[in-house]
Amino acid sequence: MRHKILSITPIKHIDNLVDKLKSLGDLDIIEDPKEKSLFKIIHKYDVIYTNPNKSNIYIGTDLINKATKLKFICTASTGTNHIDKEYAKKKKIKIISLTTDMNTIRKISSTAELAFALTLCALRNIIPSFNSVKRGEWDYTKFIGRQMNYLTIGVVGYGRLGTKYVKYCKSFGAKILVYDPYKNINSNQIVKVDSFKKLLKNSDIISFHVHLNEDTFHMINKKNISSLNKNIIIINTSRGDIIDEKVIINFLKNNKNAKFATDVLEDEINNKKNNKLINFSKKSNQVIITPHIGGMTSEAQKLAYHRVVEKLKYLLRYE
C-alpha cells in the first residue's frame, strides 16, 4: 500500500525533492493551507511534510485528532515548537526533524550568517540610511554607527550557531562574552560569564543562539530588562518567544539609541498579523524584522529538506 503524503510548505523549487517524495508515496502539495481547509482533508494522509518558516499551521491537538491515519510529521527544521510533541507521542505519531542530526546541521551556517548580517545592519544603520537615500536625501549625520572592534558582544548559547557567530565577530576584532551553562569553553579570546545578568550588564550587543524551552522562554523580561546597556543592540535568530516583545518595545521607546533586530516573532505561527513589534517597526528605525529567513538559503534548504526525506524513507521501510 502506498502512503499518502501532504506537503504544507513550498518544495517545488528544491531540486529533485518532489520526485524523491513521490517515490515514497502519493504526494499532494498545498503550499500555504488554511487551517479550516486542512481540517477537512487531513484524515486522508499518513505523512505531513512541513517547515515552520513558511507555515501558518500549528500541528496541535485539534489537527492531530482529525488526522486519524497520521503516522509521521516530517519537519525540515531543527526547531519543533510548531508541533505539539507530547500529544503526537501520545498518539504514536513519529516526529522526524533535524534537531539531533548533527552531521547535517553542522554543514548549515545560514542562520549564524544572518545573525551577523543583522548585527552589521543595526550597527551601521544600513536600512534607515538606504531609505533616506530613496527619499532623495544624502546626509550621513543621522546614521553614524559604531565600529565592532571597540565593542563587547554577548553571545547567549555556544552551540553550533553560537560558535559560528562568535567566529565571525572575532574576525572583526570584537571582545566576546558567552553565557552557556552547559558548555565548557577553552579559549583565551572568549570570556565565559557565570550569569546571564552579568552578560546583560557588560554587553554592547547581545545575540541569541538557543533552543526554546522552559529555561529560555522570555529570557529578556521585566525583571532583567533594566540590566541592559541603554544603547544595546539585541539580535534574535532563535525563536521569538525567547524575548518578551512588550517589554522590549517599552525599553526601545525609553532608550532611543537601542536597537532590536530579529528574524523571529513571539507566537509567530498564530499571530503575525496582530504582532505589536511589527506595528512598532513601522514608525521606528530601532527595529529590523526579517521573515524567518535564517535557514532560507538554497544550500541550507537542499541539505535540510532532502535529509528529512531520507530519514522518512528509512522509517517507512519498517511500516
C-alpha atoms as a PDB file:
ATOM      1  CA  MET A   1       0.000   0.000   0.000  1.00  0.00           C
ATOM      2  CA  ARG A   2       1.355   3.422  -0.972  1.00  0.00           C
ATOM      3  CA  HIS A   3       1.480   6.081   1.700  1.00  0.00           C
ATOM      4  CA  LYS A   4      -0.290   9.395   1.215  1.00  0.00           C
ATOM      5  CA  ILE A   5       1.963  12.389   1.840  1.00  0.00           C
ATOM      6  CA  LEU A   6       0.885  16.012   2.230  1.00  0.00           C
ATOM      7  CA  SER A   7       3.413  18.845   1.975  1.00  0.00           C
ATOM      8  CA  ILE A   8       2.193  22.089   3.558  1.00  0.00           C
ATOM      9  CA  THR A   9       5.358  24.027   2.701  1.00  0.00           C
ATOM     10  CA  PRO A  10       6.838  25.066  -0.678  1.00  0.00           C
ATOM     11  CA  ILE A  11       9.138  22.356  -2.040  1.00  0.00           C
ATOM     12  CA  LYS A  12       8.924  22.599  -5.844  1.00  0.00           C
ATOM     13  CA  HIS A  13      11.941  24.923  -6.011  1.00  0.00           C
ATOM     14  CA  ILE A  14      14.273  22.362  -4.408  1.00  0.00           C
ATOM     15  CA  ASP A  15      15.972  20.130  -6.972  1.00  0.00           C
ATOM     16  CA  ASN A  16      14.693  16.525  -7.064  1.00  0.00           C
ATOM     17  CA  LEU A  17      12.787  16.829  -3.789  1.00  0.00           C
ATOM     18  CA  VAL A  18       9.308  16.374  -5.271  1.00  0.00           C
ATOM     19  CA  ASP A  19      10.458  13.288  -7.185  1.00  0.00           C
ATOM     20  CA  LYS A  20      12.059  11.860  -4.050  1.00  0.00           C
ATOM     21  CA  LEU A  21       8.827  12.278  -2.068  1.00  0.00           C
ATOM     22  CA  LYS A  22       6.761  10.835  -4.921  1.00  0.00           C
ATOM     23  CA  SER A  23       8.953   7.758  -4.830  1.00  0.00           C
ATOM     24  CA  LEU A  24       7.762   7.192  -1.253  1.00  0.00           C
ATOM     25  CA  GLY A  25       4.032   7.619  -1.830  1.00  0.00           C
ATOM     26  CA  ASP A  26       1.224   9.661  -3.351  1.00  0.00           C
ATOM     27  CA  LEU A  27       2.171  13.305  -2.865  1.00  0.00           C
ATOM     28  CA  ASP A  28      -0.096  16.341  -2.602  1.00  0.00           C
ATOM     29  CA  ILE A  29       1.332  19.837  -2.179  1.00  0.00           C
ATOM     30  CA  ILE A  30      -0.663  22.674  -0.618  1.00  0.00           C
ATOM     31  CA  GLU A  31       1.912  25.390  -0.074  1.00  0.00           C
ATOM     32  CA  ASP A  32       0.027  27.629   2.349  1.00  0.00           C
ATOM     33  CA  PRO A  33      -3.170  25.899   3.502  1.00  0.00           C
ATOM     34  CA  LYS A  34      -5.771  27.489   5.731  1.00  0.00           C
ATOM     35  CA  GLU A  35      -6.429  25.627   8.932  1.00  0.00           C
ATOM     36  CA  LYS A  36     -10.135  25.061   8.191  1.00  0.00           C
ATOM     37  CA  SER A  37      -9.467  23.575   4.765  1.00  0.00           C
ATOM     38  CA  LEU A  38      -6.695  21.398   6.162  1.00  0.00           C
ATOM     39  CA  PHE A  39      -9.025  20.006   8.826  1.00  0.00           C
ATOM     40  CA  LYS A  40     -11.318  18.754   6.068  1.00  0.00           C
ATOM     41  CA  ILE A  41      -8.684  16.673   4.284  1.00  0.00           C
ATOM     42  CA  ILE A  42      -6.039  15.721   6.840  1.00  0.00           C
ATOM     43  CA  HIS A  43      -7.730  12.388   7.624  1.00  0.00           C
ATOM     44  CA  LYS A  44      -6.528  11.085   4.243  1.00  0.00           C
ATOM     45  CA  TYR A  45      -2.806  11.351   4.960  1.00  0.00           C
ATOM     46  CA  ASP A  46      -0.156   9.186   6.572  1.00  0.00           C
ATOM     47  CA  VAL A  47       2.591  11.843   6.435  1.00  0.00           C
ATOM     48  CA  ILE A  48       2.725  15.633   6.845  1.00  0.00           C
ATOM     49  CA  TYR A  49       5.788  17.348   5.436  1.00  0.00           C
ATOM     50  CA  THR A  50       6.308  20.851   6.847  1.00  0.00           C
ATOM     51  CA  ASN A  51       8.686  23.646   7.798  1.00  0.00           C
ATOM     52  CA  PRO A  52       7.884  26.334  10.404  1.00  0.00           C
ATOM     53  CA  ASN A  53       9.438  29.148   8.352  1.00  0.00           C
ATOM     54  CA  LYS A  54       6.606  29.034   5.835  1.00  0.00           C
ATOM     55  CA  SER A  55       3.515  27.832   7.620  1.00  0.00           C
ATOM     56  CA  ASN A  56       0.559  29.233   9.478  1.00  0.00           C
ATOM     57  CA  ILE A  57      -0.312  25.778  10.748  1.00  0.00           C
ATOM     58  CA  TYR A  58       0.290  24.627  14.304  1.00  0.00           C
ATOM     59  CA  ILE A  59       0.183  20.836  14.376  1.00  0.00           C
ATOM     60  CA  GLY A  60      -1.590  20.562  17.703  1.00  0.00           C
ATOM     61  CA  THR A  61      -4.373  18.656  19.414  1.00  0.00           C
ATOM     62  CA  ASP A  62      -7.201  19.717  17.090  1.00  0.00           C
ATOM     63  CA  LEU A  63      -5.370  18.886  13.891  1.00  0.00           C
ATOM     64  CA  ILE A  64      -3.885  15.644  15.206  1.00  0.00           C
ATOM     65  CA  ASN A  65      -7.318  14.447  16.349  1.00  0.00           C
ATOM     66  CA  LYS A  66      -8.609  14.848  12.806  1.00  0.00           C
ATOM     67  CA  ALA A  67      -5.527  13.201  11.288  1.00  0.00           C
ATOM     68  CA  THR A  68      -6.715   9.695  12.039  1.00  0.00           C
ATOM     69  CA  LYS A  69      -4.215   7.981   9.696  1.00  0.00           C
ATOM     70  CA  LEU A  70      -1.227  10.156  10.503  1.00  0.00           C
ATOM     71  CA  LYS A  71       1.972   8.230  11.281  1.00  0.00           C
ATOM     72  CA  PHE A  72       4.736  10.769  10.614  1.00  0.00           C
ATOM     73  CA  ILE A  73       5.241  14.506  10.983  1.00  0.00           C
ATOM     74  CA  CYS A  74       8.275  15.343   8.872  1.00  0.00           C
ATOM     75  CA  THR A  75       9.708  18.835   9.523  1.00  0.00           C
ATOM     76  CA  ALA A  76      12.732  20.213   7.697  1.00  0.00           C
ATOM     77  CA  SER A  77      13.911  22.146  10.742  1.00  0.00           C
ATOM     78  CA  THR A  78      15.810  21.867  13.996  1.00  0.00           C
ATOM     79  CA  GLY A  79      13.008  23.636  15.880  1.00  0.00           C
ATOM     80  CA  THR A  80       9.782  21.779  16.649  1.00  0.00           C
ATOM     81  CA  ASN A  81       7.746  24.373  18.555  1.00  0.00           C
ATOM     82  CA  HIS A  82       5.186  24.316  15.700  1.00  0.00           C
ATOM     83  CA  ILE A  83       4.239  20.783  16.805  1.00  0.00           C
ATOM     84  CA  ASP A  84       2.600  19.525  19.987  1.00  0.00           C
ATOM     85  CA  LYS A  85       5.255  16.898  20.558  1.00  0.00           C
ATOM     86  CA  GLU A  86       3.709  15.381  23.678  1.00  0.00           C
ATOM     87  CA  TYR A  87       0.314  14.873  22.074  1.00  0.00           C
ATOM     88  CA  ALA A  88       1.885  13.471  18.911  1.00  0.00           C
ATOM     89  CA  LYS A  89       3.811  10.988  21.049  1.00  0.00           C
ATOM     90  CA  LYS A  90       0.609  10.059  22.876  1.00  0.00           C
ATOM     91  CA  LYS A  91      -0.998   9.323  19.510  1.00  0.00           C
ATOM     92  CA  LYS A  92       2.075   7.287  18.486  1.00  0.00           C
ATOM     93  CA  ILE A  93       2.965   9.703  15.685  1.00  0.00           C
ATOM     94  CA  LYS A  94       6.685   9.878  14.949  1.00  0.00           C
ATOM     95  CA  ILE A  95       8.301  13.313  14.519  1.00  0.00           C
ATOM     96  CA  ILE A  96      11.154  13.448  12.017  1.00  0.00           C
ATOM     97  CA  SER A  97      13.315  16.565  12.376  1.00  0.00           C
ATOM     98  CA  LEU A  98      16.925  17.741  12.271  1.00  0.00           C
ATOM     99  CA  THR A  99      17.118  18.555  15.978  1.00  0.00           C
ATOM    100  CA  THR A 100      19.805  15.981  16.757  1.00  0.00           C
ATOM    101  CA  ASP A 101      21.066  15.367  13.230  1.00  0.00           C
ATOM    102  CA  MET A 102      24.467  16.939  13.833  1.00  0.00           C
ATOM    103  CA  ASN A 103      26.155  15.569  10.708  1.00  0.00           C
ATOM    104  CA  THR A 104      23.705  17.569   8.595  1.00  0.00           C
ATOM    105  CA  ILE A 105      23.247  20.736  10.621  1.00  0.00           C
ATOM    106  CA  ARG A 106      26.986  21.262  11.129  1.00  0.00           C
ATOM    107  CA  LYS A 107      27.114  21.975   7.387  1.00  0.00           C
ATOM    108  CA  ILE A 108      24.472  24.708   7.673  1.00  0.00           C
ATOM    109  CA  SER A 109      25.780  28.151   8.627  1.00  0.00           C
ATOM    110  CA  SER A 110      22.947  30.248   7.162  1.00  0.00           C
ATOM    111  CA  THR A 111      21.309  31.342  10.436  1.00  0.00           C
ATOM    112  CA  ALA A 112      24.602  32.363  12.031  1.00  0.00           C
ATOM    113  CA  GLU A 113      25.447  34.350   8.904  1.00  0.00           C
ATOM    114  CA  LEU A 114      22.084  36.129   9.091  1.00  0.00           C
ATOM    115  CA  ALA A 115      22.658  36.963  12.767  1.00  0.00           C
ATOM    116  CA  PHE A 116      25.961  38.559  11.813  1.00  0.00           C
ATOM    117  CA  ALA A 117      24.347  40.421   8.896  1.00  0.00           C
ATOM    118  CA  LEU A 118      21.640  41.779  11.219  1.00  0.00           C
ATOM    119  CA  THR A 119      24.368  42.839  13.636  1.00  0.00           C
ATOM    120  CA  LEU A 120      26.108  44.893  10.963  1.00  0.00           C
ATOM    121  CA  CYS A 121      22.804  46.287   9.661  1.00  0.00           C
ATOM    122  CA  ALA A 122      21.860  47.529  13.117  1.00  0.00           C
ATOM    123  CA  LEU A 123      25.364  48.717  13.977  1.00  0.00           C
ATOM    124  CA  ARG A 124      25.785  50.757  10.789  1.00  0.00           C
ATOM    125  CA  ASN A 125      22.143  51.871  10.295  1.00  0.00           C
ATOM    126  CA  ILE A 126      22.168  50.368   6.814  1.00  0.00           C
ATOM    127  CA  ILE A 127      18.411  50.066   6.294  1.00  0.00           C
ATOM    128  CA  PRO A 128      17.310  53.537   7.509  1.00  0.00           C
ATOM    129  CA  SER A 129      20.218  55.201   5.667  1.00  0.00           C
ATOM    130  CA  PHE A 130      19.211  53.479   2.415  1.00  0.00           C
ATOM    131  CA  ASN A 131      15.598  54.527   2.959  1.00  0.00           C
ATOM    132  CA  SER A 132      16.862  58.089   3.421  1.00  0.00           C
ATOM    133  CA  VAL A 133      18.685  57.961   0.078  1.00  0.00           C
ATOM    134  CA  LYS A 134      15.498  56.687  -1.605  1.00  0.00           C
ATOM    135  CA  ARG A 135      13.741  59.772  -0.256  1.00  0.00           C
ATOM    136  CA  GLY A 136      16.266  61.927  -2.122  1.00  0.00           C
ATOM    137  CA  GLU A 137      18.419  62.742   0.908  1.00  0.00           C
ATOM    138  CA  TRP A 138      22.203  62.468   1.254  1.00  0.00           C
ATOM    139  CA  ASP A 139      23.078  63.133   4.892  1.00  0.00           C
ATOM    140  CA  TYR A 140      25.269  60.795   6.938  1.00  0.00           C
ATOM    141  CA  THR A 141      24.878  62.693  10.213  1.00  0.00           C
ATOM    142  CA  LYS A 142      21.742  60.816  11.271  1.00  0.00           C
ATOM    143  CA  PHE A 143      23.358  57.425  10.645  1.00  0.00           C
ATOM    144  CA  ILE A 144      26.702  57.472  12.428  1.00  0.00           C
ATOM    145  CA  GLY A 145      27.344  53.935  13.628  1.00  0.00           C
ATOM    146  CA  ARG A 146      29.850  52.023  15.757  1.00  0.00           C
ATOM    147  CA  GLN A 147      32.998  50.066  14.983  1.00  0.00           C
ATOM    148  CA  MET A 148      32.906  46.425  16.065  1.00  0.00           C
ATOM    149  CA  ASN A 149      36.484  46.191  17.328  1.00  0.00           C
ATOM    150  CA  TYR A 150      35.628  48.682  20.087  1.00  0.00           C
ATOM    151  CA  LEU A 151      32.607  46.718  21.301  1.00  0.00           C
ATOM    152  CA  THR A 152      31.762  43.813  23.583  1.00  0.00           C
ATOM    153  CA  ILE A 153      29.425  41.228  22.102  1.00  0.00           C
ATOM    154  CA  GLY A 154      27.484  38.933  24.414  1.00  0.00           C
ATOM    155  CA  VAL A 155      26.541  35.577  22.906  1.00  0.00           C
ATOM    156  CA  VAL A 156      23.805  33.516  24.551  1.00  0.00           C
ATOM    157  CA  GLY A 157      24.274  29.869  23.614  1.00  0.00           C
ATOM    158  CA  TYR A 158      27.582  28.437  22.428  1.00  0.00           C
ATOM    159  CA  GLY A 159      26.312  25.563  20.340  1.00  0.00           C
ATOM    160  CA  ARG A 160      26.571  25.081  16.597  1.00  0.00           C
ATOM    161  CA  LEU A 161      25.296  28.534  15.598  1.00  0.00           C
ATOM    162  CA  GLY A 162      26.689  30.443  18.568  1.00  0.00           C
ATOM    163  CA  THR A 163      30.212  29.219  17.849  1.00  0.00           C
ATOM    164  CA  LYS A 164      29.935  30.245  14.190  1.00  0.00           C
ATOM    165  CA  TYR A 165      28.627  33.699  15.144  1.00  0.00           C
ATOM    166  CA  VAL A 166      31.492  34.122  17.629  1.00  0.00           C
ATOM    167  CA  LYS A 167      33.986  33.230  14.904  1.00  0.00           C
ATOM    168  CA  TYR A 168      32.595  35.954  12.629  1.00  0.00           C
ATOM    169  CA  CYS A 169      32.631  38.579  15.396  1.00  0.00           C
ATOM    170  CA  LYS A 170      36.164  37.664  16.494  1.00  0.00           C
ATOM    171  CA  SER A 171      37.405  38.151  12.938  1.00  0.00           C
ATOM    172  CA  PHE A 172      36.181  41.766  13.222  1.00  0.00           C
ATOM    173  CA  GLY A 173      38.102  42.259  16.476  1.00  0.00           C
ATOM    174  CA  ALA A 174      35.204  42.314  18.950  1.00  0.00           C
ATOM    175  CA  LYS A 175      35.547  41.303  22.587  1.00  0.00           C
ATOM    176  CA  ILE A 176      33.365  38.222  23.204  1.00  0.00           C
ATOM    177  CA  LEU A 177      31.374  37.237  26.284  1.00  0.00           C
ATOM    178  CA  VAL A 178      29.489  33.932  26.265  1.00  0.00           C
ATOM    179  CA  TYR A 179      26.725  32.712  28.551  1.00  0.00           C
ATOM    180  CA  ASP A 180      26.062  28.989  28.263  1.00  0.00           C
ATOM    181  CA  PRO A 181      25.876  26.957  31.494  1.00  0.00           C
ATOM    182  CA  TYR A 182      26.087  23.703  29.518  1.00  0.00           C
ATOM    183  CA  LYS A 183      29.331  24.356  27.613  1.00  0.00           C
ATOM    184  CA  ASN A 184      32.993  24.389  28.562  1.00  0.00           C
ATOM    185  CA  ILE A 185      34.970  26.998  26.647  1.00  0.00           C
ATOM    186  CA  ASN A 186      38.717  26.710  26.282  1.00  0.00           C
ATOM    187  CA  SER A 187      39.784  29.912  24.581  1.00  0.00           C
ATOM    188  CA  ASN A 188      41.761  32.892  25.823  1.00  0.00           C
ATOM    189  CA  GLN A 189      39.859  35.042  23.295  1.00  0.00           C
ATOM    190  CA  ILE A 190      36.440  34.343  24.834  1.00  0.00           C
ATOM    191  CA  VAL A 191      35.225  35.200  28.329  1.00  0.00           C
ATOM    192  CA  LYS A 192      32.612  32.812  29.700  1.00  0.00           C
ATOM    193  CA  VAL A 193      30.350  34.556  32.232  1.00  0.00           C
ATOM    194  CA  ASP A 194      28.686  32.621  35.021  1.00  0.00           C
ATOM    195  CA  SER A 195      25.385  34.505  34.989  1.00  0.00           C
ATOM    196  CA  PHE A 196      23.020  35.819  32.341  1.00  0.00           C
ATOM    197  CA  LYS A 197      22.671  39.087  34.238  1.00  0.00           C
ATOM    198  CA  LYS A 198      26.424  39.678  34.023  1.00  0.00           C
ATOM    199  CA  LEU A 199      26.264  39.271  30.258  1.00  0.00           C
ATOM    200  CA  LEU A 200      23.356  41.731  30.053  1.00  0.00           C
ATOM    201  CA  LYS A 201      25.238  44.350  32.061  1.00  0.00           C
ATOM    202  CA  ASN A 202      28.521  44.126  30.162  1.00  0.00           C
ATOM    203  CA  SER A 203      27.493  43.786  26.505  1.00  0.00           C
ATOM    204  CA  ASP A 204      27.090  46.387  23.762  1.00  0.00           C
ATOM    205  CA  ILE A 205      25.466  43.776  21.512  1.00  0.00           C
ATOM    206  CA  ILE A 206      23.664  40.579  22.549  1.00  0.00           C
ATOM    207  CA  SER A 207      22.908  37.752  20.133  1.00  0.00           C
ATOM    208  CA  PHE A 208      20.739  34.738  20.996  1.00  0.00           C
ATOM    209  CA  HIS A 209      21.537  31.223  19.738  1.00  0.00           C
ATOM    210  CA  VAL A 210      19.428  28.916  21.896  1.00  0.00           C
ATOM    211  CA  HIS A 211      16.549  26.475  21.556  1.00  0.00           C
ATOM    212  CA  LEU A 212      13.173  27.426  23.017  1.00  0.00           C
ATOM    213  CA  ASN A 213      12.345  25.621  26.251  1.00  0.00           C
ATOM    214  CA  GLU A 214      11.202  26.410  29.795  1.00  0.00           C
ATOM    215  CA  ASP A 215      14.591  27.898  30.672  1.00  0.00           C
ATOM    216  CA  THR A 216      14.848  30.148  27.616  1.00  0.00           C
ATOM    217  CA  PHE A 217      11.222  31.368  27.397  1.00  0.00           C
ATOM    218  CA  HIS A 218      11.239  35.169  27.903  1.00  0.00           C
ATOM    219  CA  MET A 219      14.933  35.323  28.781  1.00  0.00           C
ATOM    220  CA  ILE A 220      14.578  39.083  28.318  1.00  0.00           C
ATOM    221  CA  ASN A 221      11.762  40.109  30.652  1.00  0.00           C
ATOM    222  CA  LYS A 222      10.526  42.747  33.097  1.00  0.00           C
ATOM    223  CA  LYS A 223      12.861  41.577  35.844  1.00  0.00           C
ATOM    224  CA  ASN A 224      16.122  41.853  33.933  1.00  0.00           C
ATOM    225  CA  ILE A 225      15.482  44.485  31.232  1.00  0.00           C
ATOM    226  CA  SER A 226      16.901  47.232  33.466  1.00  0.00           C
ATOM    227  CA  SER A 227      20.288  45.489  33.385  1.00  0.00           C
ATOM    228  CA  LEU A 228      20.737  46.305  29.703  1.00  0.00           C
ATOM    229  CA  ASN A 229      23.035  48.993  28.353  1.00  0.00           C
ATOM    230  CA  LYS A 230      20.793  51.880  27.207  1.00  0.00           C
ATOM    231  CA  ASN A 231      22.450  51.728  23.747  1.00  0.00           C
ATOM    232  CA  ILE A 232      22.153  47.938  23.450  1.00  0.00           C
ATOM    233  CA  ILE A 233      21.664  46.113  20.158  1.00  0.00           C
ATOM    234  CA  ILE A 234      19.816  42.801  20.538  1.00  0.00           C
ATOM    235  CA  ILE A 235      19.877  40.168  17.801  1.00  0.00           C
ATOM    236  CA  ASN A 236      17.452  37.227  17.825  1.00  0.00           C
ATOM    237  CA  THR A 237      17.577  34.488  15.201  1.00  0.00           C
ATOM    238  CA  SER A 238      16.482  31.726  17.603  1.00  0.00           C
ATOM    239  CA  ARG A 239      12.772  31.800  18.494  1.00  0.00           C
ATOM    240  CA  GLY A 240      10.543  34.803  19.077  1.00  0.00           C
ATOM    241  CA  ASP A 241       9.328  33.648  22.478  1.00  0.00           C
ATOM    242  CA  ILE A 242      12.820  33.988  23.933  1.00  0.00           C
ATOM    243  CA  ILE A 243      12.152  37.717  24.290  1.00  0.00           C
ATOM    244  CA  ASP A 244       9.078  39.376  25.798  1.00  0.00           C
ATOM    245  CA  GLU A 245       8.147  41.730  22.965  1.00  0.00           C
ATOM    246  CA  LYS A 246       6.031  44.044  25.120  1.00  0.00           C
ATOM    247  CA  VAL A 247       8.996  44.555  27.411  1.00  0.00           C
ATOM    248  CA  ILE A 248      11.465  45.167  24.580  1.00  0.00           C
ATOM    249  CA  ILE A 249       9.122  47.640  22.842  1.00  0.00           C
ATOM    250  CA  ASN A 250       8.788  49.647  26.053  1.00  0.00           C
ATOM    251  CA  PHE A 251      12.573  49.575  26.512  1.00  0.00           C
ATOM    252  CA  LEU A 252      13.136  50.848  22.968  1.00  0.00           C
ATOM    253  CA  LYS A 253      10.661  53.687  23.472  1.00  0.00           C
ATOM    254  CA  ASN A 254      12.589  54.809  26.542  1.00  0.00           C
ATOM    255  CA  ASN A 255      16.070  54.301  25.035  1.00  0.00           C
ATOM    256  CA  LYS A 256      16.166  55.875  21.589  1.00  0.00           C
ATOM    257  CA  ASN A 257      19.631  54.605  20.680  1.00  0.00           C
ATOM    258  CA  ALA A 258      18.853  50.966  21.482  1.00  0.00           C
ATOM    259  CA  LYS A 259      18.005  48.586  18.625  1.00  0.00           C
ATOM    260  CA  PHE A 260      16.390  45.200  18.158  1.00  0.00           C
ATOM    261  CA  ALA A 261      16.976  43.062  15.065  1.00  0.00           C
ATOM    262  CA  THR A 262      15.037  39.819  14.794  1.00  0.00           C
ATOM    263  CA  ASP A 263      14.248  37.062  12.332  1.00  0.00           C
ATOM    264  CA  VAL A 264      11.500  35.599  14.534  1.00  0.00           C
ATOM    265  CA  LEU A 265       8.397  36.735  16.401  1.00  0.00           C
ATOM    266  CA  GLU A 266       6.520  35.787  19.539  1.00  0.00           C
ATOM    267  CA  ASP A 267       3.649  33.401  18.783  1.00  0.00           C
ATOM    268  CA  GLU A 268       4.875  33.534  15.194  1.00  0.00           C
ATOM    269  CA  ILE A 269       2.613  30.903  13.667  1.00  0.00           C
ATOM    270  CA  ASN A 270      -0.651  32.060  15.190  1.00  0.00           C
ATOM    271  CA  ASN A 271      -0.416  35.829  15.461  1.00  0.00           C
ATOM    272  CA  LYS A 272       1.753  37.536  12.837  1.00  0.00           C
ATOM    273  CA  LYS A 273      -0.986  39.870  11.611  1.00  0.00           C
ATOM    274  CA  ASN A 274      -1.545  41.456  15.015  1.00  0.00           C
ATOM    275  CA  ASN A 275       2.064  41.460  16.141  1.00  0.00           C
ATOM    276  CA  LYS A 276       2.881  44.573  18.172  1.00  0.00           C
ATOM    277  CA  LEU A 277       6.560  44.528  17.233  1.00  0.00           C
ATOM    278  CA  ILE A 278       5.729  44.697  13.514  1.00  0.00           C
ATOM    279  CA  ASN A 279       3.392  47.612  14.182  1.00  0.00           C
ATOM    280  CA  PHE A 280       6.067  49.383  16.229  1.00  0.00           C
ATOM    281  CA  SER A 281       8.656  48.847  13.480  1.00  0.00           C
ATOM    282  CA  LYS A 282       6.508  50.792  11.012  1.00  0.00           C
ATOM    283  CA  LYS A 283       7.202  54.004  12.919  1.00  0.00           C
ATOM    284  CA  SER A 284      10.625  53.276  14.409  1.00  0.00           C
ATOM    285  CA  ASN A 285      14.103  52.821  12.925  1.00  0.00           C
ATOM    286  CA  GLN A 286      15.085  50.954  16.078  1.00  0.00           C
ATOM    287  CA  VAL A 287      13.677  47.654  14.820  1.00  0.00           C
ATOM    288  CA  ILE A 288      14.689  45.361  11.964  1.00  0.00           C
ATOM    289  CA  ILE A 289      12.475  42.343  11.234  1.00  0.00           C
ATOM    290  CA  THR A 290      13.105  39.666   8.624  1.00  0.00           C
ATOM    291  CA  PRO A 291      10.514  36.940   7.846  1.00  0.00           C
ATOM    292  CA  HIS A 292      12.275  33.919   9.397  1.00  0.00           C
ATOM    293  CA  ILE A 293      14.861  33.711   6.619  1.00  0.00           C
ATOM    294  CA  GLY A 294      17.645  32.360   8.851  1.00  0.00           C
ATOM    295  CA  GLY A 295      17.877  28.920   7.269  1.00  0.00           C
ATOM    296  CA  MET A 296      16.499  30.004   3.938  1.00  0.00           C
ATOM    297  CA  THR A 297      19.454  29.740   1.594  1.00  0.00           C
ATOM    298  CA  SER A 298      19.413  27.392  -1.374  1.00  0.00           C
ATOM    299  CA  GLU A 299      22.291  25.416   0.122  1.00  0.00           C
ATOM    300  CA  ALA A 300      20.699  25.076   3.550  1.00  0.00           C
ATOM    301  CA  GLN A 301      17.287  24.151   2.159  1.00  0.00           C
ATOM    302  CA  LYS A 302      18.730  21.476  -0.089  1.00  0.00           C
ATOM    303  CA  LEU A 303      20.629  19.895   2.804  1.00  0.00           C
ATOM    304  CA  ALA A 304      17.768  20.093   5.321  1.00  0.00           C
ATOM    305  CA  TYR A 305      14.789  19.228   3.128  1.00  0.00           C
ATOM    306  CA  HIS A 306      16.467  16.248   1.467  1.00  0.00           C
ATOM    307  CA  ARG A 307      17.844  14.922   4.738  1.00  0.00           C
ATOM    308  CA  VAL A 308      14.448  14.648   6.447  1.00  0.00           C
ATOM    309  CA  VAL A 309      13.083  12.842   3.382  1.00  0.00           C
ATOM    310  CA  GLU A 310      15.943  10.347   3.664  1.00  0.00           C
ATOM    311  CA  LYS A 311      15.041   9.813   7.312  1.00  0.00           C
ATOM    312  CA  LEU A 312      11.385   9.346   6.360  1.00  0.00           C
ATOM    313  CA  LYS A 313      12.372   6.823   3.672  1.00  0.00           C
ATOM    314  CA  TYR A 314      14.331   4.823   6.237  1.00  0.00           C
ATOM    315  CA  LEU A 315      11.420   4.685   8.699  1.00  0.00           C
ATOM    316  CA  LEU A 316       8.871   3.819   6.033  1.00  0.00           C
ATOM    317  CA  ARG A 317      10.775   0.602   5.351  1.00  0.00           C
ATOM    318  CA  TYR A 318       9.542  -0.687   8.684  1.00  0.00           C
ATOM    319  CA  GLU A 319       5.905   0.180   8.110  1.00  0.00           C
END
